[in-house]
Amino acid sequence: MVTGVGIWPATLECGDLLLRPLRYRDRAEWQDLRGRNAEWLRPWEATSPDPDAAPPTYRAMVASLRAQAKAGQALPWVIAVREPRRRQPVIAGQLTVSGITWGAALGASLGYWVDRSRAGRGLAPTAVAMATDHCFQTLGLHRMEINIRPENRPSLRVVEKLGFRDEGLRRRFLHIDGAWADHRTFALTAEEAAGGLLPRWLASRGEPLRT
């Protein structure tokens, strides 16, 4: 089991899909992608309860995530895809494992988003399966939690496909798009993912395991 310091950096691969660390030099590509997806993501975006708080700059966001990763509290990845005639994998979204707790709990939360133009192609469930398997099998965590707005049907489909348990509604759980919003909590333990989520997910699609 890996514990705390030393869990980062980490890069995971499955065929043409990668989870790799978010970098300062991703700023232009990341901001362009976020700009193109702003309206699509806004209903699900976390916001500050303080109306006068300015959103963090890209550099401040990356610095905060890197500090959390160094402390063993987070895994801040971009979802990247290899494409023909492109030298480097293209950023297609973001996935962050956060709130990592060691000791007796061994748990974490996971959040993600993907480019709207790539939605429905299996990127999100594949990335979530990769990250969850890494947390369970490599880091030795025991529980993964995902909190989703009840209205967010695409994300609800992701956890349904992967077999996360619905643990019920949490009232006014997070500040989203300017207001406190209810969320449904989904969770999975290492015992429930014995053998790995990724092999199970790929088998359901009739695809071989590719690393």
N, C-alpha and C. Protein backbone atom coordinates (compact mmCIF):
# COMPACT_ATOMS: atom_id res chain seq x y z
N MET A 1 0.84 -1.20 0.00
CA MET A 1 0.00 0.00 0.00
C MET A 1 0.87 1.25 0.00
N VAL A 2 0.52 2.21 -0.86
CA VAL A 2 1.16 3.52 -0.86
C VAL A 2 0.34 4.41 0.06
N THR A 3 0.98 5.17 0.94
CA THR A 3 0.23 6.04 1.84
C THR A 3 0.78 7.46 1.80
N GLY A 4 -0.14 8.42 1.63
CA GLY A 4 0.22 9.83 1.75
C GLY A 4 1.27 10.29 0.75
N VAL A 5 2.33 10.86 1.27
CA VAL A 5 3.39 11.43 0.45
C VAL A 5 3.98 10.33 -0.44
N GLY A 6 4.20 10.66 -1.70
CA GLY A 6 4.77 9.71 -2.63
C GLY A 6 3.77 9.12 -3.60
N ILE A 7 2.48 9.52 -3.50
CA ILE A 7 1.48 8.98 -4.41
C ILE A 7 1.47 9.71 -5.75
N TRP A 8 2.20 10.81 -5.85
CA TRP A 8 2.13 11.69 -7.03
C TRP A 8 3.52 12.07 -7.47
N PRO A 9 3.77 12.20 -8.80
CA PRO A 9 2.84 12.13 -9.92
C PRO A 9 2.55 10.70 -10.35
N ALA A 10 1.44 10.52 -11.06
CA ALA A 10 1.05 9.22 -11.58
C ALA A 10 0.36 9.43 -12.92
N THR A 11 0.66 8.59 -13.89
CA THR A 11 0.01 8.61 -15.20
C THR A 11 -0.56 7.24 -15.47
N LEU A 12 -1.83 7.19 -15.89
CA LEU A 12 -2.51 5.94 -16.19
C LEU A 12 -2.89 5.92 -17.66
N GLU A 13 -2.87 4.74 -18.28
CA GLU A 13 -3.20 4.63 -19.69
C GLU A 13 -4.10 3.44 -19.95
N CYS A 14 -5.01 3.61 -20.90
CA CYS A 14 -5.85 2.52 -21.39
C CYS A 14 -6.09 2.79 -22.87
N GLY A 15 -5.38 2.08 -23.73
CA GLY A 15 -5.48 2.34 -25.16
C GLY A 15 -5.07 3.76 -25.48
N ASP A 16 -5.97 4.51 -26.12
CA ASP A 16 -5.68 5.90 -26.50
C ASP A 16 -6.05 6.91 -25.42
N LEU A 17 -6.54 6.43 -24.29
CA LEU A 17 -6.97 7.32 -23.21
C LEU A 17 -5.92 7.37 -22.11
N LEU A 18 -5.61 8.58 -21.66
CA LEU A 18 -4.64 8.77 -20.59
C LEU A 18 -5.22 9.62 -19.48
N LEU A 19 -4.82 9.34 -18.25
CA LEU A 19 -4.97 10.25 -17.13
C LEU A 19 -3.56 10.68 -16.77
N ARG A 20 -3.27 11.97 -16.93
CA ARG A 20 -1.93 12.48 -16.62
C ARG A 20 -2.04 13.73 -15.78
N PRO A 21 -0.99 14.10 -15.06
CA PRO A 21 -1.06 15.28 -14.19
C PRO A 21 -1.39 16.57 -14.95
N LEU A 22 -2.22 17.38 -14.34
CA LEU A 22 -2.50 18.72 -14.84
C LEU A 22 -1.25 19.58 -14.64
N ARG A 23 -0.85 20.33 -15.71
CA ARG A 23 0.40 21.08 -15.67
C ARG A 23 0.16 22.57 -15.90
N TYR A 24 1.10 23.39 -15.43
CA TYR A 24 1.03 24.83 -15.70
C TYR A 24 1.00 25.10 -17.20
N ARG A 25 1.79 24.34 -17.96
CA ARG A 25 1.88 24.61 -19.39
C ARG A 25 0.65 24.13 -20.18
N ASP A 26 -0.33 23.56 -19.50
CA ASP A 26 -1.60 23.20 -20.15
C ASP A 26 -2.55 24.39 -20.22
N ARG A 27 -2.16 25.53 -19.69
CA ARG A 27 -3.09 26.64 -19.52
C ARG A 27 -3.85 27.00 -20.78
N ALA A 28 -3.16 27.25 -21.89
CA ALA A 28 -3.85 27.69 -23.11
C ALA A 28 -4.84 26.64 -23.61
N GLU A 29 -4.41 25.38 -23.66
CA GLU A 29 -5.29 24.32 -24.15
C GLU A 29 -6.46 24.10 -23.20
N TRP A 30 -6.18 24.12 -21.88
CA TRP A 30 -7.23 23.90 -20.88
C TRP A 30 -8.25 25.04 -20.93
N GLN A 31 -7.78 26.27 -20.97
CA GLN A 31 -8.70 27.41 -20.98
C GLN A 31 -9.53 27.45 -22.25
N ASP A 32 -8.95 27.08 -23.38
CA ASP A 32 -9.70 27.02 -24.63
C ASP A 32 -10.82 25.98 -24.53
N LEU A 33 -10.49 24.81 -23.98
CA LEU A 33 -11.48 23.75 -23.83
C LEU A 33 -12.59 24.16 -22.87
N ARG A 34 -12.22 24.77 -21.74
CA ARG A 34 -13.21 25.22 -20.78
C ARG A 34 -14.09 26.31 -21.38
N GLY A 35 -13.50 27.20 -22.15
CA GLY A 35 -14.28 28.26 -22.77
C GLY A 35 -15.33 27.72 -23.72
N ARG A 36 -14.97 26.70 -24.50
CA ARG A 36 -15.90 26.11 -25.45
C ARG A 36 -17.01 25.32 -24.75
N ASN A 37 -16.76 24.91 -23.51
CA ASN A 37 -17.72 24.10 -22.77
C ASN A 37 -18.38 24.85 -21.62
N ALA A 38 -18.18 26.17 -21.55
CA ALA A 38 -18.64 26.95 -20.40
C ALA A 38 -20.13 26.80 -20.14
N GLU A 39 -20.96 26.97 -21.17
CA GLU A 39 -22.40 26.89 -20.99
C GLU A 39 -22.85 25.49 -20.61
N TRP A 40 -22.21 24.49 -21.18
CA TRP A 40 -22.58 23.10 -20.91
C TRP A 40 -22.25 22.70 -19.48
N LEU A 41 -21.12 23.22 -18.94
CA LEU A 41 -20.66 22.83 -17.61
C LEU A 41 -21.24 23.70 -16.49
N ARG A 42 -21.70 24.90 -16.82
CA ARG A 42 -22.12 25.84 -15.78
C ARG A 42 -23.14 25.28 -14.79
N PRO A 43 -24.16 24.52 -15.20
CA PRO A 43 -25.15 24.04 -14.22
C PRO A 43 -24.58 23.09 -13.17
N TRP A 44 -23.36 22.56 -13.42
CA TRP A 44 -22.79 21.57 -12.50
C TRP A 44 -21.53 22.08 -11.82
N GLU A 45 -21.18 23.33 -12.04
CA GLU A 45 -19.92 23.87 -11.55
C GLU A 45 -20.00 24.35 -10.10
N ALA A 46 -19.01 23.97 -9.30
CA ALA A 46 -18.92 24.47 -7.93
C ALA A 46 -18.61 25.97 -7.94
N THR A 47 -19.26 26.72 -7.04
CA THR A 47 -19.03 28.15 -6.93
C THR A 47 -18.83 28.50 -5.46
N SER A 48 -18.33 29.70 -5.20
CA SER A 48 -18.12 30.14 -3.83
C SER A 48 -19.40 30.74 -3.27
N PRO A 49 -19.74 30.43 -2.01
CA PRO A 49 -20.91 31.07 -1.37
C PRO A 49 -20.72 32.57 -1.18
N ASP A 50 -19.47 33.04 -1.24
CA ASP A 50 -19.17 34.46 -1.10
C ASP A 50 -19.38 35.15 -2.45
N PRO A 51 -20.39 36.00 -2.59
CA PRO A 51 -20.66 36.63 -3.89
C PRO A 51 -19.55 37.56 -4.36
N ASP A 52 -18.69 37.99 -3.44
CA ASP A 52 -17.61 38.89 -3.82
C ASP A 52 -16.30 38.17 -4.13
N ALA A 53 -16.30 36.83 -3.96
CA ALA A 53 -15.08 36.07 -4.19
C ALA A 53 -14.82 35.92 -5.68
N ALA A 54 -13.60 36.24 -6.10
CA ALA A 54 -13.23 36.08 -7.50
C ALA A 54 -12.80 34.63 -7.75
N PRO A 55 -13.13 34.07 -8.91
CA PRO A 55 -12.69 32.70 -9.20
C PRO A 55 -11.17 32.65 -9.25
N PRO A 56 -10.57 31.54 -8.86
CA PRO A 56 -9.11 31.46 -8.87
C PRO A 56 -8.56 31.51 -10.29
N THR A 57 -7.37 32.04 -10.43
CA THR A 57 -6.71 32.00 -11.73
C THR A 57 -6.30 30.56 -12.04
N TYR A 58 -5.98 30.32 -13.29
CA TYR A 58 -5.53 28.97 -13.67
C TYR A 58 -4.30 28.59 -12.87
N ARG A 59 -3.35 29.50 -12.76
CA ARG A 59 -2.11 29.19 -12.04
C ARG A 59 -2.39 28.89 -10.57
N ALA A 60 -3.29 29.66 -9.95
CA ALA A 60 -3.63 29.43 -8.55
C ALA A 60 -4.31 28.08 -8.37
N MET A 61 -5.18 27.72 -9.33
CA MET A 61 -5.85 26.42 -9.26
C MET A 61 -4.85 25.28 -9.33
N VAL A 62 -3.93 25.36 -10.29
CA VAL A 62 -2.93 24.29 -10.44
C VAL A 62 -2.02 24.24 -9.22
N ALA A 63 -1.62 25.39 -8.71
CA ALA A 63 -0.75 25.41 -7.53
C ALA A 63 -1.43 24.75 -6.34
N SER A 64 -2.73 25.05 -6.14
CA SER A 64 -3.46 24.45 -5.04
C SER A 64 -3.57 22.94 -5.20
N LEU A 65 -3.90 22.49 -6.40
CA LEU A 65 -4.03 21.05 -6.65
C LEU A 65 -2.70 20.32 -6.50
N ARG A 66 -1.63 20.97 -6.96
CA ARG A 66 -0.31 20.34 -6.83
C ARG A 66 0.10 20.23 -5.36
N ALA A 67 -0.23 21.24 -4.57
CA ALA A 67 0.09 21.19 -3.14
C ALA A 67 -0.70 20.06 -2.46
N GLN A 68 -1.97 19.92 -2.83
CA GLN A 68 -2.76 18.83 -2.26
C GLN A 68 -2.22 17.47 -2.69
N ALA A 69 -1.79 17.36 -3.94
CA ALA A 69 -1.23 16.10 -4.42
C ALA A 69 0.06 15.76 -3.69
N LYS A 70 0.90 16.77 -3.50
CA LYS A 70 2.16 16.55 -2.79
C LYS A 70 1.92 16.09 -1.36
N ALA A 71 0.83 16.56 -0.76
CA ALA A 71 0.49 16.19 0.61
C ALA A 71 -0.27 14.87 0.69
N GLY A 72 -0.51 14.23 -0.46
CA GLY A 72 -1.23 12.96 -0.46
C GLY A 72 -2.72 13.10 -0.29
N GLN A 73 -3.27 14.28 -0.66
CA GLN A 73 -4.69 14.54 -0.46
C GLN A 73 -5.51 14.56 -1.75
N ALA A 74 -4.85 14.56 -2.90
CA ALA A 74 -5.57 14.67 -4.16
C ALA A 74 -4.76 14.07 -5.31
N LEU A 75 -5.48 13.75 -6.39
CA LEU A 75 -4.87 13.28 -7.63
C LEU A 75 -5.48 14.10 -8.75
N PRO A 76 -4.84 15.21 -9.16
CA PRO A 76 -5.42 16.09 -10.18
C PRO A 76 -4.96 15.72 -11.59
N TRP A 77 -5.81 15.02 -12.32
CA TRP A 77 -5.50 14.57 -13.67
C TRP A 77 -6.25 15.36 -14.73
N VAL A 78 -5.68 15.43 -15.93
CA VAL A 78 -6.46 15.74 -17.12
C VAL A 78 -6.76 14.42 -17.82
N ILE A 79 -7.91 14.38 -18.49
CA ILE A 79 -8.25 13.26 -19.36
C ILE A 79 -7.75 13.63 -20.74
N ALA A 80 -6.86 12.84 -21.28
CA ALA A 80 -6.26 13.16 -22.58
C ALA A 80 -6.45 11.99 -23.54
N VAL A 81 -6.53 12.31 -24.83
CA VAL A 81 -6.80 11.30 -25.86
C VAL A 81 -5.76 11.41 -26.96
N ARG A 82 -5.18 10.28 -27.34
CA ARG A 82 -4.28 10.25 -28.50
C ARG A 82 -5.12 10.28 -29.77
N GLU A 83 -4.69 11.12 -30.72
CA GLU A 83 -5.39 11.23 -31.98
C GLU A 83 -4.41 11.11 -33.14
N PRO A 84 -4.87 10.58 -34.28
CA PRO A 84 -3.99 10.49 -35.45
C PRO A 84 -3.49 11.87 -35.86
N ARG A 85 -2.26 11.89 -36.27
CA ARG A 85 -1.61 13.11 -36.78
C ARG A 85 -1.43 14.20 -35.73
N ARG A 86 -1.59 13.86 -34.47
CA ARG A 86 -1.30 14.81 -33.39
C ARG A 86 -0.13 14.27 -32.59
N ARG A 87 0.87 15.10 -32.39
CA ARG A 87 2.08 14.65 -31.69
C ARG A 87 1.83 14.35 -30.23
N GLN A 88 0.99 15.15 -29.61
CA GLN A 88 0.70 14.99 -28.18
C GLN A 88 -0.77 14.67 -27.98
N PRO A 89 -1.10 13.87 -26.96
CA PRO A 89 -2.51 13.63 -26.64
C PRO A 89 -3.25 14.94 -26.39
N VAL A 90 -4.50 15.00 -26.82
CA VAL A 90 -5.33 16.19 -26.71
C VAL A 90 -6.13 16.14 -25.40
N ILE A 91 -6.19 17.26 -24.68
CA ILE A 91 -6.97 17.31 -23.45
C ILE A 91 -8.45 17.22 -23.79
N ALA A 92 -9.15 16.28 -23.16
CA ALA A 92 -10.56 16.06 -23.41
C ALA A 92 -11.42 16.25 -22.17
N GLY A 93 -10.79 16.61 -21.05
CA GLY A 93 -11.54 16.80 -19.82
C GLY A 93 -10.63 16.79 -18.62
N GLN A 94 -11.21 16.64 -17.47
CA GLN A 94 -10.45 16.68 -16.22
C GLN A 94 -11.09 15.71 -15.23
N LEU A 95 -10.26 15.05 -14.43
CA LEU A 95 -10.73 14.15 -13.37
C LEU A 95 -9.85 14.38 -12.15
N THR A 96 -10.47 14.66 -11.02
CA THR A 96 -9.73 14.89 -9.79
C THR A 96 -10.26 13.99 -8.68
N VAL A 97 -9.36 13.24 -8.08
CA VAL A 97 -9.66 12.52 -6.85
C VAL A 97 -9.26 13.45 -5.72
N SER A 98 -10.19 13.79 -4.84
CA SER A 98 -9.90 14.77 -3.80
C SER A 98 -10.34 14.26 -2.44
N GLY A 99 -9.96 15.01 -1.40
CA GLY A 99 -10.35 14.65 -0.05
C GLY A 99 -9.86 13.28 0.37
N ILE A 100 -8.68 12.89 -0.11
CA ILE A 100 -8.15 11.57 0.25
C ILE A 100 -7.88 11.53 1.75
N THR A 101 -8.43 10.51 2.39
CA THR A 101 -8.28 10.32 3.83
C THR A 101 -7.59 9.01 4.08
N TRP A 102 -6.53 9.06 4.88
CA TRP A 102 -5.77 7.85 5.19
C TRP A 102 -6.22 7.32 6.56
N GLY A 103 -5.42 6.52 7.20
CA GLY A 103 -5.77 6.00 8.51
C GLY A 103 -6.89 4.98 8.45
N ALA A 104 -7.88 5.13 9.34
CA ALA A 104 -8.95 4.15 9.44
C ALA A 104 -9.98 4.27 8.32
N ALA A 105 -10.07 5.43 7.66
CA ALA A 105 -11.11 5.64 6.66
C ALA A 105 -10.70 5.14 5.27
N LEU A 106 -9.53 5.54 4.79
CA LEU A 106 -9.02 5.15 3.47
C LEU A 106 -10.06 5.40 2.38
N GLY A 107 -10.50 6.66 2.31
CA GLY A 107 -11.53 7.02 1.33
C GLY A 107 -11.18 8.27 0.55
N ALA A 108 -11.98 8.54 -0.48
CA ALA A 108 -11.78 9.73 -1.30
C ALA A 108 -13.05 10.02 -2.08
N SER A 109 -13.09 11.23 -2.66
CA SER A 109 -14.17 11.62 -3.56
C SER A 109 -13.61 11.84 -4.95
N LEU A 110 -14.46 11.68 -5.95
CA LEU A 110 -14.01 11.81 -7.34
C LEU A 110 -14.97 12.71 -8.09
N GLY A 111 -14.40 13.62 -8.89
CA GLY A 111 -15.19 14.49 -9.75
C GLY A 111 -14.58 14.56 -11.13
N TYR A 112 -15.38 14.85 -12.14
CA TYR A 112 -14.87 14.82 -13.51
C TYR A 112 -15.75 15.67 -14.42
N TRP A 113 -15.19 16.05 -15.57
CA TRP A 113 -15.96 16.62 -16.66
C TRP A 113 -15.26 16.27 -17.97
N VAL A 114 -16.04 16.22 -19.05
CA VAL A 114 -15.46 15.93 -20.37
C VAL A 114 -15.99 16.92 -21.39
N ASP A 115 -15.24 17.09 -22.44
CA ASP A 115 -15.62 17.95 -23.56
C ASP A 115 -16.98 17.49 -24.11
N ARG A 116 -17.89 18.43 -24.29
CA ARG A 116 -19.23 18.08 -24.77
C ARG A 116 -19.18 17.37 -26.11
N SER A 117 -18.24 17.74 -26.97
CA SER A 117 -18.17 17.13 -28.30
C SER A 117 -17.73 15.67 -28.24
N ARG A 118 -17.20 15.23 -27.08
CA ARG A 118 -16.76 13.84 -26.93
C ARG A 118 -17.68 13.04 -26.01
N ALA A 119 -18.71 13.67 -25.48
CA ALA A 119 -19.61 12.99 -24.57
C ALA A 119 -20.30 11.82 -25.27
N GLY A 120 -20.58 10.78 -24.51
CA GLY A 120 -21.27 9.62 -25.06
C GLY A 120 -20.38 8.60 -25.72
N ARG A 121 -19.06 8.81 -25.65
CA ARG A 121 -18.13 7.88 -26.29
C ARG A 121 -17.44 6.94 -25.29
N GLY A 122 -17.86 7.02 -24.04
CA GLY A 122 -17.27 6.14 -23.04
C GLY A 122 -16.04 6.68 -22.34
N LEU A 123 -15.67 7.94 -22.61
CA LEU A 123 -14.47 8.51 -21.99
C LEU A 123 -14.63 8.63 -20.48
N ALA A 124 -15.76 9.18 -20.03
CA ALA A 124 -15.94 9.41 -18.59
C ALA A 124 -15.95 8.11 -17.80
N PRO A 125 -16.76 7.10 -18.16
CA PRO A 125 -16.72 5.86 -17.37
C PRO A 125 -15.37 5.16 -17.42
N THR A 126 -14.70 5.22 -18.57
CA THR A 126 -13.38 4.60 -18.64
C THR A 126 -12.40 5.31 -17.71
N ALA A 127 -12.41 6.64 -17.72
CA ALA A 127 -11.51 7.41 -16.86
C ALA A 127 -11.82 7.18 -15.39
N VAL A 128 -13.12 7.16 -15.02
CA VAL A 128 -13.51 6.91 -13.63
C VAL A 128 -13.08 5.51 -13.20
N ALA A 129 -13.25 4.53 -14.07
CA ALA A 129 -12.84 3.16 -13.75
C ALA A 129 -11.33 3.08 -13.56
N MET A 130 -10.55 3.74 -14.42
CA MET A 130 -9.10 3.74 -14.30
C MET A 130 -8.66 4.35 -12.97
N ALA A 131 -9.25 5.50 -12.64
CA ALA A 131 -8.86 6.21 -11.42
C ALA A 131 -9.25 5.41 -10.18
N THR A 132 -10.45 4.83 -10.19
CA THR A 132 -10.90 4.06 -9.03
C THR A 132 -10.04 2.82 -8.83
N ASP A 133 -9.73 2.11 -9.90
CA ASP A 133 -8.85 0.93 -9.79
C ASP A 133 -7.49 1.32 -9.23
N HIS A 134 -6.95 2.45 -9.69
CA HIS A 134 -5.65 2.91 -9.19
C HIS A 134 -5.73 3.18 -7.69
N CYS A 135 -6.81 3.84 -7.27
CA CYS A 135 -6.95 4.17 -5.84
C CYS A 135 -7.10 2.91 -4.99
N PHE A 136 -7.84 1.94 -5.47
CA PHE A 136 -8.05 0.72 -4.71
C PHE A 136 -6.82 -0.21 -4.77
N GLN A 137 -6.32 -0.44 -5.97
CA GLN A 137 -5.31 -1.48 -6.16
C GLN A 137 -3.89 -1.00 -5.90
N THR A 138 -3.60 0.25 -6.20
CA THR A 138 -2.23 0.77 -6.03
C THR A 138 -2.07 1.54 -4.73
N LEU A 139 -3.03 2.43 -4.43
CA LEU A 139 -2.92 3.25 -3.22
C LEU A 139 -3.47 2.56 -1.99
N GLY A 140 -4.31 1.55 -2.18
CA GLY A 140 -4.85 0.83 -1.05
C GLY A 140 -6.03 1.51 -0.38
N LEU A 141 -6.70 2.44 -1.08
CA LEU A 141 -7.90 3.06 -0.52
C LEU A 141 -9.04 2.03 -0.48
N HIS A 142 -10.04 2.31 0.35
CA HIS A 142 -11.12 1.35 0.55
C HIS A 142 -12.46 1.81 -0.01
N ARG A 143 -12.67 3.14 -0.10
CA ARG A 143 -13.98 3.66 -0.53
C ARG A 143 -13.79 4.83 -1.48
N MET A 144 -14.58 4.83 -2.57
CA MET A 144 -14.62 5.96 -3.50
C MET A 144 -16.04 6.48 -3.55
N GLU A 145 -16.17 7.80 -3.46
CA GLU A 145 -17.48 8.46 -3.45
C GLU A 145 -17.58 9.45 -4.60
N ILE A 146 -18.77 9.50 -5.22
CA ILE A 146 -19.05 10.47 -6.28
C ILE A 146 -20.38 11.13 -5.96
N ASN A 147 -20.41 12.46 -5.92
CA ASN A 147 -21.63 13.22 -5.62
C ASN A 147 -22.12 13.92 -6.89
N ILE A 148 -23.40 13.71 -7.21
CA ILE A 148 -23.94 14.16 -8.50
C ILE A 148 -25.28 14.86 -8.30
N ARG A 149 -25.49 15.98 -9.01
CA ARG A 149 -26.79 16.64 -9.00
C ARG A 149 -27.85 15.68 -9.54
N PRO A 150 -29.02 15.60 -8.93
CA PRO A 150 -30.06 14.68 -9.42
C PRO A 150 -30.48 14.96 -10.87
N GLU A 151 -30.27 16.20 -11.33
CA GLU A 151 -30.66 16.56 -12.70
C GLU A 151 -29.59 16.21 -13.74
N ASN A 152 -28.43 15.81 -13.29
CA ASN A 152 -27.30 15.58 -14.21
C ASN A 152 -27.35 14.15 -14.76
N ARG A 153 -28.21 13.93 -15.75
CA ARG A 153 -28.41 12.60 -16.28
C ARG A 153 -27.15 11.97 -16.87
N PRO A 154 -26.31 12.69 -17.61
CA PRO A 154 -25.10 12.04 -18.14
C PRO A 154 -24.19 11.48 -17.05
N SER A 155 -24.01 12.24 -15.97
CA SER A 155 -23.16 11.73 -14.89
C SER A 155 -23.82 10.59 -14.13
N LEU A 156 -25.14 10.65 -13.99
CA LEU A 156 -25.84 9.53 -13.36
C LEU A 156 -25.67 8.25 -14.17
N ARG A 157 -25.61 8.37 -15.47
CA ARG A 157 -25.40 7.19 -16.33
C ARG A 157 -24.01 6.61 -16.11
N VAL A 158 -23.02 7.47 -15.84
CA VAL A 158 -21.66 6.99 -15.63
C VAL A 158 -21.59 6.07 -14.42
N VAL A 159 -22.13 6.53 -13.28
CA VAL A 159 -22.05 5.70 -12.08
C VAL A 159 -22.94 4.46 -12.20
N GLU A 160 -24.03 4.58 -12.94
CA GLU A 160 -24.89 3.42 -13.17
C GLU A 160 -24.14 2.35 -13.97
N LYS A 161 -23.45 2.77 -15.01
CA LYS A 161 -22.71 1.82 -15.84
C LYS A 161 -21.61 1.11 -15.05
N LEU A 162 -21.01 1.81 -14.09
CA LEU A 162 -19.89 1.24 -13.34
C LEU A 162 -20.31 0.53 -12.06
N GLY A 163 -21.58 0.58 -11.72
CA GLY A 163 -22.06 -0.16 -10.56
C GLY A 163 -21.87 0.50 -9.22
N PHE A 164 -21.74 1.84 -9.20
CA PHE A 164 -21.67 2.55 -7.92
C PHE A 164 -23.04 2.49 -7.23
N ARG A 165 -23.05 2.30 -5.93
CA ARG A 165 -24.27 2.24 -5.15
C ARG A 165 -24.84 3.64 -4.89
N ASP A 166 -26.14 3.76 -5.00
CA ASP A 166 -26.82 5.02 -4.66
C ASP A 166 -27.04 5.03 -3.15
N GLU A 167 -26.41 5.97 -2.45
CA GLU A 167 -26.54 6.05 -1.00
C GLU A 167 -27.52 7.12 -0.54
N GLY A 168 -28.23 7.72 -1.48
CA GLY A 168 -29.28 8.64 -1.09
C GLY A 168 -28.97 10.10 -1.35
N LEU A 169 -29.93 10.94 -1.00
CA LEU A 169 -29.86 12.38 -1.27
C LEU A 169 -29.22 13.13 -0.11
N ARG A 170 -28.34 14.07 -0.45
CA ARG A 170 -27.74 14.96 0.54
C ARG A 170 -28.25 16.37 0.24
N ARG A 171 -29.06 16.89 1.15
CA ARG A 171 -29.70 18.18 0.94
C ARG A 171 -28.70 19.33 0.98
N ARG A 172 -28.81 20.24 -0.01
CA ARG A 172 -27.99 21.45 -0.06
C ARG A 172 -26.53 21.13 0.25
N PHE A 173 -26.02 20.17 -0.47
CA PHE A 173 -24.70 19.61 -0.15
C PHE A 173 -23.54 20.49 -0.63
N LEU A 174 -23.63 21.03 -1.83
CA LEU A 174 -22.55 21.85 -2.38
C LEU A 174 -23.13 23.11 -3.02
N HIS A 175 -22.29 24.15 -3.04
CA HIS A 175 -22.69 25.41 -3.68
C HIS A 175 -22.36 25.29 -5.17
N ILE A 176 -23.41 25.24 -5.99
CA ILE A 176 -23.27 24.99 -7.42
C ILE A 176 -23.96 26.09 -8.22
N ASP A 177 -23.25 26.65 -9.17
CA ASP A 177 -23.84 27.64 -10.07
C ASP A 177 -24.60 28.72 -9.30
N GLY A 178 -24.02 29.15 -8.17
CA GLY A 178 -24.58 30.28 -7.43
C GLY A 178 -25.59 29.96 -6.35
N ALA A 179 -25.83 28.68 -6.07
CA ALA A 179 -26.82 28.33 -5.03
C ALA A 179 -26.48 26.98 -4.41
N TRP A 180 -26.95 26.78 -3.18
CA TRP A 180 -26.77 25.49 -2.53
C TRP A 180 -27.65 24.46 -3.22
N ALA A 181 -27.06 23.32 -3.56
CA ALA A 181 -27.77 22.34 -4.38
C ALA A 181 -27.74 20.95 -3.75
N ASP A 182 -28.85 20.23 -3.89
CA ASP A 182 -28.91 18.84 -3.46
C ASP A 182 -28.03 17.97 -4.37
N HIS A 183 -27.50 16.90 -3.80
CA HIS A 183 -26.72 15.93 -4.56
C HIS A 183 -27.11 14.51 -4.13
N ARG A 184 -26.98 13.58 -5.04
CA ARG A 184 -27.08 12.18 -4.70
C ARG A 184 -25.67 11.63 -4.55
N THR A 185 -25.46 10.83 -3.51
CA THR A 185 -24.15 10.25 -3.24
C THR A 185 -24.11 8.80 -3.72
N PHE A 186 -23.07 8.51 -4.49
CA PHE A 186 -22.82 7.16 -4.98
C PHE A 186 -21.46 6.71 -4.45
N ALA A 187 -21.35 5.44 -4.10
CA ALA A 187 -20.09 4.97 -3.52
C ALA A 187 -19.81 3.53 -3.94
N LEU A 188 -18.55 3.16 -3.78
CA LEU A 188 -18.09 1.81 -4.09
C LEU A 188 -16.93 1.51 -3.15
N THR A 189 -16.89 0.29 -2.65
CA THR A 189 -15.76 -0.12 -1.82
C THR A 189 -14.86 -1.07 -2.61
N ALA A 190 -13.66 -1.27 -2.11
CA ALA A 190 -12.70 -2.12 -2.80
C ALA A 190 -13.24 -3.54 -2.96
N GLU A 191 -13.98 -4.02 -1.97
CA GLU A 191 -14.53 -5.38 -2.07
C GLU A 191 -15.54 -5.48 -3.21
N GLU A 192 -16.30 -4.40 -3.43
CA GLU A 192 -17.30 -4.41 -4.50
C GLU A 192 -16.67 -4.29 -5.88
N ALA A 193 -15.42 -3.86 -5.91
CA ALA A 193 -14.71 -3.71 -7.19
C ALA A 193 -13.62 -4.76 -7.34
N ALA A 194 -13.78 -5.90 -6.66
CA ALA A 194 -12.78 -6.96 -6.75
C ALA A 194 -12.58 -7.37 -8.21
N GLY A 195 -11.33 -7.46 -8.62
CA GLY A 195 -11.03 -7.78 -10.01
C GLY A 195 -10.89 -6.56 -10.89
N GLY A 196 -11.33 -5.40 -10.38
CA GLY A 196 -11.15 -4.15 -11.11
C GLY A 196 -12.38 -3.69 -11.85
N LEU A 197 -12.65 -2.38 -11.78
CA LEU A 197 -13.75 -1.78 -12.53
C LEU A 197 -13.47 -1.73 -14.02
N LEU A 198 -12.21 -1.44 -14.38
CA LEU A 198 -11.88 -1.26 -15.80
C LEU A 198 -12.12 -2.54 -16.60
N PRO A 199 -11.61 -3.70 -16.15
CA PRO A 199 -11.90 -4.92 -16.92
C PRO A 199 -13.39 -5.19 -17.04
N ARG A 200 -14.14 -4.94 -15.96
CA ARG A 200 -15.58 -5.15 -15.97
C ARG A 200 -16.26 -4.23 -16.97
N TRP A 201 -15.87 -2.95 -16.97
CA TRP A 201 -16.46 -1.96 -17.87
C TRP A 201 -16.14 -2.29 -19.32
N LEU A 202 -14.88 -2.60 -19.61
CA LEU A 202 -14.51 -2.91 -21.00
C LEU A 202 -15.20 -4.18 -21.48
N ALA A 203 -15.33 -5.16 -20.61
CA ALA A 203 -16.00 -6.40 -20.99
C ALA A 203 -17.46 -6.14 -21.34
N SER A 204 -18.11 -5.20 -20.63
CA SER A 204 -19.51 -4.88 -20.91
C SER A 204 -19.66 -4.25 -22.28
N ARG A 205 -18.58 -3.68 -22.82
CA ARG A 205 -18.59 -3.06 -24.14
C ARG A 205 -18.00 -3.98 -25.20
N GLY A 206 -17.59 -5.18 -24.78
CA GLY A 206 -17.00 -6.12 -25.71
C GLY A 206 -15.61 -5.72 -26.16
N GLU A 207 -14.90 -4.98 -25.29
CA GLU A 207 -13.55 -4.53 -25.61
C GLU A 207 -12.52 -5.24 -24.75
N PRO A 208 -11.34 -5.51 -25.29
CA PRO A 208 -10.28 -6.13 -24.48
C PRO A 208 -9.64 -5.10 -23.57
N LEU A 209 -8.99 -5.57 -22.50
CA LEU A 209 -8.25 -4.68 -21.60
C LEU A 209 -7.00 -4.23 -22.31
N ARG A 210 -6.83 -2.90 -22.42
CA ARG A 210 -5.68 -2.31 -23.13
C ARG A 210 -4.93 -1.39 -22.19
N THR A 211 -3.65 -1.67 -21.97
CA THR A 211 -2.85 -0.80 -21.11
C THR A 211 -1.64 -0.31 -21.87
